[in-house]
C-alpha atoms as a PDB file:
ATOM      1  CA  MET A   1     -61.363  85.671  61.876  1.00  0.00           C
ATOM      2  CA  THR A   2     -64.210  85.573  59.338  1.00  0.00           C
ATOM      3  CA  GLU A   3     -63.683  89.241  58.360  1.00  0.00           C
ATOM      4  CA  THR A   4     -60.025  88.472  57.666  1.00  0.00           C
ATOM      5  CA  LEU A   5     -61.124  85.745  55.238  1.00  0.00           C
ATOM      6  CA  ASN A   6     -63.848  87.943  53.730  1.00  0.00           C
ATOM      7  CA  PRO A   7     -63.096  91.652  54.134  1.00  0.00           C
ATOM      8  CA  LEU A   8     -66.489  92.551  52.601  1.00  0.00           C
ATOM      9  CA  LEU A   9     -68.558  90.683  55.175  1.00  0.00           C
ATOM     10  CA  ASN A  10     -71.025  93.127  56.779  1.00  0.00           C
ATOM     11  CA  LYS A  11     -69.141  96.150  55.430  1.00  0.00           C
ATOM     12  CA  ARG A  12     -71.250  99.161  54.494  1.00  0.00           C
ATOM     13  CA  ILE A  13     -70.462 100.367  51.008  1.00  0.00           C
ATOM     14  CA  VAL A  14     -72.045 103.468  49.546  1.00  0.00           C
ATOM     15  CA  LEU A  15     -72.092 103.004  45.778  1.00  0.00           C
ATOM     16  CA  GLY A  16     -72.435 106.258  43.876  1.00  0.00           C
ATOM     17  CA  VAL A  17     -73.672 105.888  40.313  1.00  0.00           C
ATOM     18  CA  THR A  18     -73.391 108.823  37.907  1.00  0.00           C
ATOM     19  CA  GLY A  19     -74.791 109.550  34.452  1.00  0.00           C
ATOM     20  CA  SER A  20     -72.766 107.345  32.147  1.00  0.00           C
ATOM     21  CA  ILE A  21     -73.676 104.516  29.804  1.00  0.00           C
ATOM     22  CA  ALA A  22     -71.452 102.430  32.099  1.00  0.00           C
ATOM     23  CA  SER A  23     -74.175 102.704  34.767  1.00  0.00           C
ATOM     24  CA  TYR A  24     -75.425  99.273  33.738  1.00  0.00           C
ATOM     25  CA  LYS A  25     -72.103  97.837  34.982  1.00  0.00           C
ATOM     26  CA  ALA A  26     -72.764  99.406  38.389  1.00  0.00           C
ATOM     27  CA  ALA A  27     -75.816  97.183  38.824  1.00  0.00           C
ATOM     28  CA  ASP A  28     -73.654  94.109  38.261  1.00  0.00           C
ATOM     29  CA  LEU A  29     -71.097  95.526  40.687  1.00  0.00           C
ATOM     30  CA  ALA A  30     -73.771  96.107  43.344  1.00  0.00           C
ATOM     31  CA  SER A  31     -74.902  92.511  42.896  1.00  0.00           C
ATOM     32  CA  LYS A  32     -71.359  91.143  43.223  1.00  0.00           C
ATOM     33  CA  LEU A  33     -70.661  93.255  46.332  1.00  0.00           C
ATOM     34  CA  THR A  34     -73.906  92.079  47.937  1.00  0.00           C
ATOM     35  CA  GLN A  35     -73.215  88.432  47.091  1.00  0.00           C
ATOM     36  CA  SER A  36     -69.809  88.883  48.748  1.00  0.00           C
ATOM     37  CA  GLY A  37     -71.463  89.888  52.020  1.00  0.00           C
ATOM     38  CA  ALA A  38     -71.420  93.692  51.812  1.00  0.00           C
ATOM     39  CA  GLN A  39     -74.354  95.967  52.590  1.00  0.00           C
ATOM     40  CA  VAL A  40     -74.668  98.222  49.548  1.00  0.00           C
ATOM     41  CA  ASP A  41     -76.459 101.568  49.685  1.00  0.00           C
ATOM     42  CA  ALA A  42     -76.692 103.002  46.180  1.00  0.00           C
ATOM     43  CA  ILE A  43     -76.981 106.713  45.427  1.00  0.00           C
ATOM     44  CA  LEU A  44     -77.983 107.540  41.861  1.00  0.00           C
ATOM     45  CA  THR A  45     -77.443 111.014  40.438  1.00  0.00           C
ATOM     46  CA  ALA A  46     -80.115 112.512  38.206  1.00  0.00           C
ATOM     47  CA  GLY A  47     -77.985 111.598  35.189  1.00  0.00           C
ATOM     48  CA  ALA A  48     -77.687 108.001  36.346  1.00  0.00           C
ATOM     49  CA  THR A  49     -81.472 107.642  36.522  1.00  0.00           C
ATOM     50  CA  ARG A  50     -81.583 108.347  32.778  1.00  0.00           C
ATOM     51  CA  PHE A  51     -79.748 105.023  32.257  1.00  0.00           C
ATOM     52  CA  VAL A  52     -80.816 102.842  35.219  1.00  0.00           C
ATOM     53  CA  THR A  53     -83.450 102.978  37.940  1.00  0.00           C
ATOM     54  CA  PRO A  54     -83.255 102.770  41.728  1.00  0.00           C
ATOM     55  CA  LEU A  55     -85.371  99.607  41.523  1.00  0.00           C
ATOM     56  CA  VAL A  56     -82.524  97.800  39.753  1.00  0.00           C
ATOM     57  CA  PHE A  57     -80.179  98.489  42.672  1.00  0.00           C
ATOM     58  CA  GLN A  58     -82.811  97.722  45.293  1.00  0.00           C
ATOM     59  CA  SER A  59     -83.456  94.406  43.572  1.00  0.00           C
ATOM     60  CA  VAL A  60     -79.816  93.297  43.539  1.00  0.00           C
ATOM     61  CA  SER A  61     -78.837  94.669  46.957  1.00  0.00           C
ATOM     62  CA  GLY A  62     -82.009  94.148  48.984  1.00  0.00           C
ATOM     63  CA  ARG A  63     -81.545  97.698  50.278  1.00  0.00           C
ATOM     64  CA  ARG A  64     -83.085 101.027  49.391  1.00  0.00           C
ATOM     65  CA  ALA A  65     -81.430 103.029  46.614  1.00  0.00           C
ATOM     66  CA  TYR A  66     -81.386 106.804  46.930  1.00  0.00           C
ATOM     67  CA  ILE A  67     -81.854 109.662  44.460  1.00  0.00           C
ATOM     68  CA  ASP A  68     -81.448 113.418  44.753  1.00  0.00           C
ATOM     69  CA  ALA A  69     -85.076 113.916  45.803  1.00  0.00           C
ATOM     70  CA  ASP A  70     -84.339 111.906  48.963  1.00  0.00           C
ATOM     71  CA  LEU A  71     -81.981 114.638  50.165  1.00  0.00           C
ATOM     72  CA  TRP A  72     -85.008 116.848  50.685  1.00  0.00           C
ATOM     73  CA  GLY A  73     -87.312 114.051  51.835  1.00  0.00           C
ATOM     74  CA  ASP A  74     -88.469 113.159  55.323  1.00  0.00           C
ATOM     75  CA  GLN A  75     -84.903 112.495  56.529  1.00  0.00           C
ATOM     76  CA  ALA A  76     -83.718 115.824  55.047  1.00  0.00           C
ATOM     77  CA  HIS A  77     -80.244 116.911  56.120  1.00  0.00           C
ATOM     78  CA  VAL A  78     -79.437 113.822  58.171  1.00  0.00           C
ATOM     79  CA  LEU A  79     -79.628 111.348  55.273  1.00  0.00           C
ATOM     80  CA  HIS A  80     -76.268 112.217  53.751  1.00  0.00           C
ATOM     81  CA  ILE A  81     -74.631 112.375  57.173  1.00  0.00           C
ATOM     82  CA  GLY A  82     -75.963 108.939  58.104  1.00  0.00           C
ATOM     83  CA  LEU A  83     -74.890 107.412  54.802  1.00  0.00           C
ATOM     84  CA  ALA A  84     -71.444 109.012  55.022  1.00  0.00           C
ATOM     85  CA  HIS A  85     -70.702 108.219  58.656  1.00  0.00           C
ATOM     86  CA  HIS A  86     -71.791 104.588  58.510  1.00  0.00           C
ATOM     87  CA  ALA A  87     -69.883 103.778  55.319  1.00  0.00           C
ATOM     88  CA  ASP A  88     -66.732 101.676  55.385  1.00  0.00           C
ATOM     89  CA  LEU A  89     -66.075 102.682  51.774  1.00  0.00           C
ATOM     90  CA  LEU A  90     -67.525 105.157  49.302  1.00  0.00           C
ATOM     91  CA  LEU A  91     -67.263 103.803  45.761  1.00  0.00           C
ATOM     92  CA  ILE A  92     -68.267 105.925  42.769  1.00  0.00           C
ATOM     93  CA  ALA A  93     -68.642 103.764  39.681  1.00  0.00           C
ATOM     94  CA  PRO A  94     -69.038 105.070  37.083  1.00  0.00           C
ATOM     95  CA  ALA A  95     -67.655 108.525  37.809  1.00  0.00           C
ATOM     96  CA  THR A  96     -68.192 111.086  35.061  1.00  0.00           C
ATOM     97  CA  ALA A  97     -65.903 114.030  34.343  1.00  0.00           C
ATOM     98  CA  ASN A  98     -68.618 116.261  35.815  1.00  0.00           C
ATOM     99  CA  THR A  99     -68.661 114.357  39.109  1.00  0.00           C
ATOM    100  CA  LEU A 100     -64.845 114.334  39.292  1.00  0.00           C
ATOM    101  CA  ALA A 101     -64.876 118.120  38.876  1.00  0.00           C
ATOM    102  CA  LYS A 102     -67.514 118.507  41.587  1.00  0.00           C
ATOM    103  CA  LEU A 103     -65.567 116.276  44.006  1.00  0.00           C
ATOM    104  CA  ALA A 104     -62.305 118.099  43.299  1.00  0.00           C
ATOM    105  CA  HIS A 105     -63.833 121.510  43.957  1.00  0.00           C
ATOM    106  CA  GLY A 106     -66.238 120.688  46.771  1.00  0.00           C
ATOM    107  CA  VAL A 107     -69.416 121.304  44.777  1.00  0.00           C
ATOM    108  CA  SER A 108     -72.223 119.660  46.699  1.00  0.00           C
ATOM    109  CA  ASP A 109     -75.303 120.130  44.568  1.00  0.00           C
ATOM    110  CA  ASN A 110     -76.573 116.558  44.712  1.00  0.00           C
ATOM    111  CA  LEU A 111     -76.976 113.771  47.255  1.00  0.00           C
ATOM    112  CA  LEU A 112     -73.882 111.891  46.099  1.00  0.00           C
ATOM    113  CA  CYS A 113     -71.527 114.877  46.288  1.00  0.00           C
ATOM    114  CA  VAL A 114     -72.818 116.095  49.648  1.00  0.00           C
ATOM    115  CA  THR A 115     -72.418 112.545  50.996  1.00  0.00           C
ATOM    116  CA  ALA A 116     -68.857 112.440  49.652  1.00  0.00           C
ATOM    117  CA  LEU A 117     -68.070 115.728  51.414  1.00  0.00           C
ATOM    118  CA  ALA A 118     -69.356 114.330  54.698  1.00  0.00           C
ATOM    119  CA  ALA A 119     -67.581 110.960  54.365  1.00  0.00           C
ATOM    120  CA  THR A 120     -64.512 110.089  56.420  1.00  0.00           C
ATOM    121  CA  CYS A 121     -64.075 106.609  54.925  1.00  0.00           C
ATOM    122  CA  PRO A 122     -61.847 105.789  51.952  1.00  0.00           C
ATOM    123  CA  LEU A 123     -63.099 106.937  48.543  1.00  0.00           C
ATOM    124  CA  LEU A 124     -62.586 104.752  45.466  1.00  0.00           C
ATOM    125  CA  VAL A 125     -63.472 106.200  42.073  1.00  0.00           C
ATOM    126  CA  ALA A 126     -63.912 104.400  38.731  1.00  0.00           C
ATOM    127  CA  PRO A 127     -63.896 107.015  35.967  1.00  0.00           C
ATOM    128  CA  ALA A 128     -65.928 106.452  32.799  1.00  0.00           C
ATOM    129  CA  MET A 129     -66.028 108.935  29.935  1.00  0.00           C
ATOM    130  CA  ASP A 130     -64.930 109.474  26.373  1.00  0.00           C
ATOM    131  CA  GLY A 131     -61.179 109.388  25.796  1.00  0.00           C
ATOM    132  CA  GLY A 132     -60.872 113.068  24.938  1.00  0.00           C
ATOM    133  CA  MET A 133     -62.747 114.000  28.095  1.00  0.00           C
ATOM    134  CA  PHE A 134     -60.505 111.788  30.215  1.00  0.00           C
ATOM    135  CA  SER A 135     -57.279 113.131  28.702  1.00  0.00           C
ATOM    136  CA  HIS A 136     -58.432 116.765  28.851  1.00  0.00           C
ATOM    137  CA  PRO A 137     -56.139 118.900  31.061  1.00  0.00           C
ATOM    138  CA  ALA A 138     -59.073 119.952  33.275  1.00  0.00           C
ATOM    139  CA  THR A 139     -60.010 116.338  34.020  1.00  0.00           C
ATOM    140  CA  GLN A 140     -56.380 115.379  34.602  1.00  0.00           C
ATOM    141  CA  ALA A 141     -55.972 118.336  36.991  1.00  0.00           C
ATOM    142  CA  ASN A 142     -59.072 117.227  38.913  1.00  0.00           C
ATOM    143  CA  ILE A 143     -57.737 113.665  39.146  1.00  0.00           C
ATOM    144  CA  ALA A 144     -54.370 114.944  40.383  1.00  0.00           C
ATOM    145  CA  LEU A 145     -56.078 117.096  43.015  1.00  0.00           C
ATOM    146  CA  LEU A 146     -58.250 114.214  44.214  1.00  0.00           C
ATOM    147  CA  SER A 147     -55.278 111.816  44.237  1.00  0.00           C
ATOM    148  CA  ALA A 148     -53.312 114.279  46.369  1.00  0.00           C
ATOM    149  CA  ARG A 149     -56.193 114.169  48.860  1.00  0.00           C
ATOM    150  CA  GLY A 150     -55.980 110.384  49.084  1.00  0.00           C
ATOM    151  CA  VAL A 151     -58.760 109.412  46.699  1.00  0.00           C
ATOM    152  CA  GLN A 152     -58.087 106.010  45.129  1.00  0.00           C
ATOM    153  CA  PHE A 153     -58.689 105.428  41.422  1.00  0.00           C
ATOM    154  CA  CYS A 154     -59.397 102.237  39.512  1.00  0.00           C
ATOM    155  CA  GLY A 155     -59.204 102.702  35.765  1.00  0.00           C
ATOM    156  CA  PRO A 156     -60.294 103.810  33.337  1.00  0.00           C
ATOM    157  CA  GLU A 157     -59.368 101.134  30.847  1.00  0.00           C
ATOM    158  CA  GLU A 158     -58.481 101.301  27.174  1.00  0.00           C
ATOM    159  CA  GLY A 159     -61.168 100.011  24.831  1.00  0.00           C
ATOM    160  CA  HIS A 160     -64.277 100.600  22.760  1.00  0.00           C
ATOM    161  CA  LEU A 161     -66.296 103.587  23.997  1.00  0.00           C
ATOM    162  CA  ALA A 162     -69.940 104.566  23.503  1.00  0.00           C
ATOM    163  CA  SER A 163     -68.819 107.207  20.984  1.00  0.00           C
ATOM    164  CA  GLY A 164     -67.562 104.423  18.741  1.00  0.00           C
ATOM    165  CA  LEU A 165     -63.962 105.421  19.346  1.00  0.00           C
ATOM    166  CA  SER A 166     -61.357 103.290  21.045  1.00  0.00           C
ATOM    167  CA  ALA A 167     -59.426 105.082  23.784  1.00  0.00           C
ATOM    168  CA  LYS A 168     -58.749 105.166  27.508  1.00  0.00           C
ATOM    169  CA  GLY A 169     -62.063 105.911  29.197  1.00  0.00           C
ATOM    170  CA  ARG A 170     -63.933 102.617  29.788  1.00  0.00           C
ATOM    171  CA  MET A 171     -65.029 101.956  33.342  1.00  0.00           C
ATOM    172  CA  SER A 172     -63.140  99.056  34.919  1.00  0.00           C
ATOM    173  CA  GLU A 173     -65.090  95.824  34.914  1.00  0.00           C
ATOM    174  CA  PRO A 174     -67.124  94.892  38.021  1.00  0.00           C
ATOM    175  CA  LEU A 175     -64.808  91.967  38.885  1.00  0.00           C
ATOM    176  CA  THR A 176     -61.777  94.274  38.759  1.00  0.00           C
ATOM    177  CA  LEU A 177     -63.546  96.767  41.025  1.00  0.00           C
ATOM    178  CA  LEU A 178     -64.642  93.990  43.385  1.00  0.00           C
ATOM    179  CA  GLY A 179     -61.005  92.932  43.718  1.00  0.00           C
ATOM    180  CA  ARG A 180     -59.934  96.511  44.431  1.00  0.00           C
ATOM    181  CA  VAL A 181     -62.652  96.887  47.075  1.00  0.00           C
ATOM    182  CA  ARG A 182     -61.532  93.626  48.719  1.00  0.00           C
ATOM    183  CA  TYR A 183     -57.946  94.860  48.738  1.00  0.00           C
ATOM    184  CA  LEU A 184     -58.799  98.253  50.255  1.00  0.00           C
ATOM    185  CA  LEU A 185     -61.065  96.789  52.934  1.00  0.00           C
ATOM    186  CA  ALA A 186     -58.560  94.025  53.786  1.00  0.00           C
ATOM    187  CA  ARG A 187     -55.780  96.582  54.014  1.00  0.00           C
ATOM    188  CA  GLY A 188     -57.962  98.660  56.340  1.00  0.00           C
ATOM    189  CA  ALA A 189     -58.723  95.613  58.497  1.00  0.00           C
ATOM    190  CA  ILE A 190     -55.016  94.821  58.755  1.00  0.00           C
ATOM    191  CA  ALA A 191     -54.151  98.440  59.573  1.00  0.00           C
ATOM    192  CA  GLY A 192     -56.935  98.507  62.168  1.00  0.00           C
ATOM    193  CA  THR A 193     -55.610  95.513  64.089  1.00  0.00           C
END
């Protein structure tokens, strides 16, 4: 009954964070997910660590945050399998054009992408990039390919971008993503009953 009222309660969410200025929003998102009862395991790409640190995510989630070096650490090959198989949802926010291309073509050269390849749970992606990058035919083809495979997208939104331009490319706000996560997990709980 409680899970029906709060679909995030005790759900395992793997939050992938990629190298975008929008990475700071991912920390707020991790905090909101945790406050809503989810267990959040963050995976930061090398690019993401240029904007935010694992400590930020560990502080707001109370759980360890992972980086690429952990793939080759003491847990080695089982880390990504464990993260993937225990996840109720894999959320990548922000998702750069580079990460979308890797996901679309099965490139698994970092901990986040190899975890995504191993995951059997739903995948929700929040793109964040400059407008020209988002509208580029290569990016649109990658989004179409991922959508055809069942990947869910939230955003991007129209607005002011880091380049100073205004276009479609802003990552959806954490509250919008929280609502989408609630919806997907509630829908899964209903389908599972």
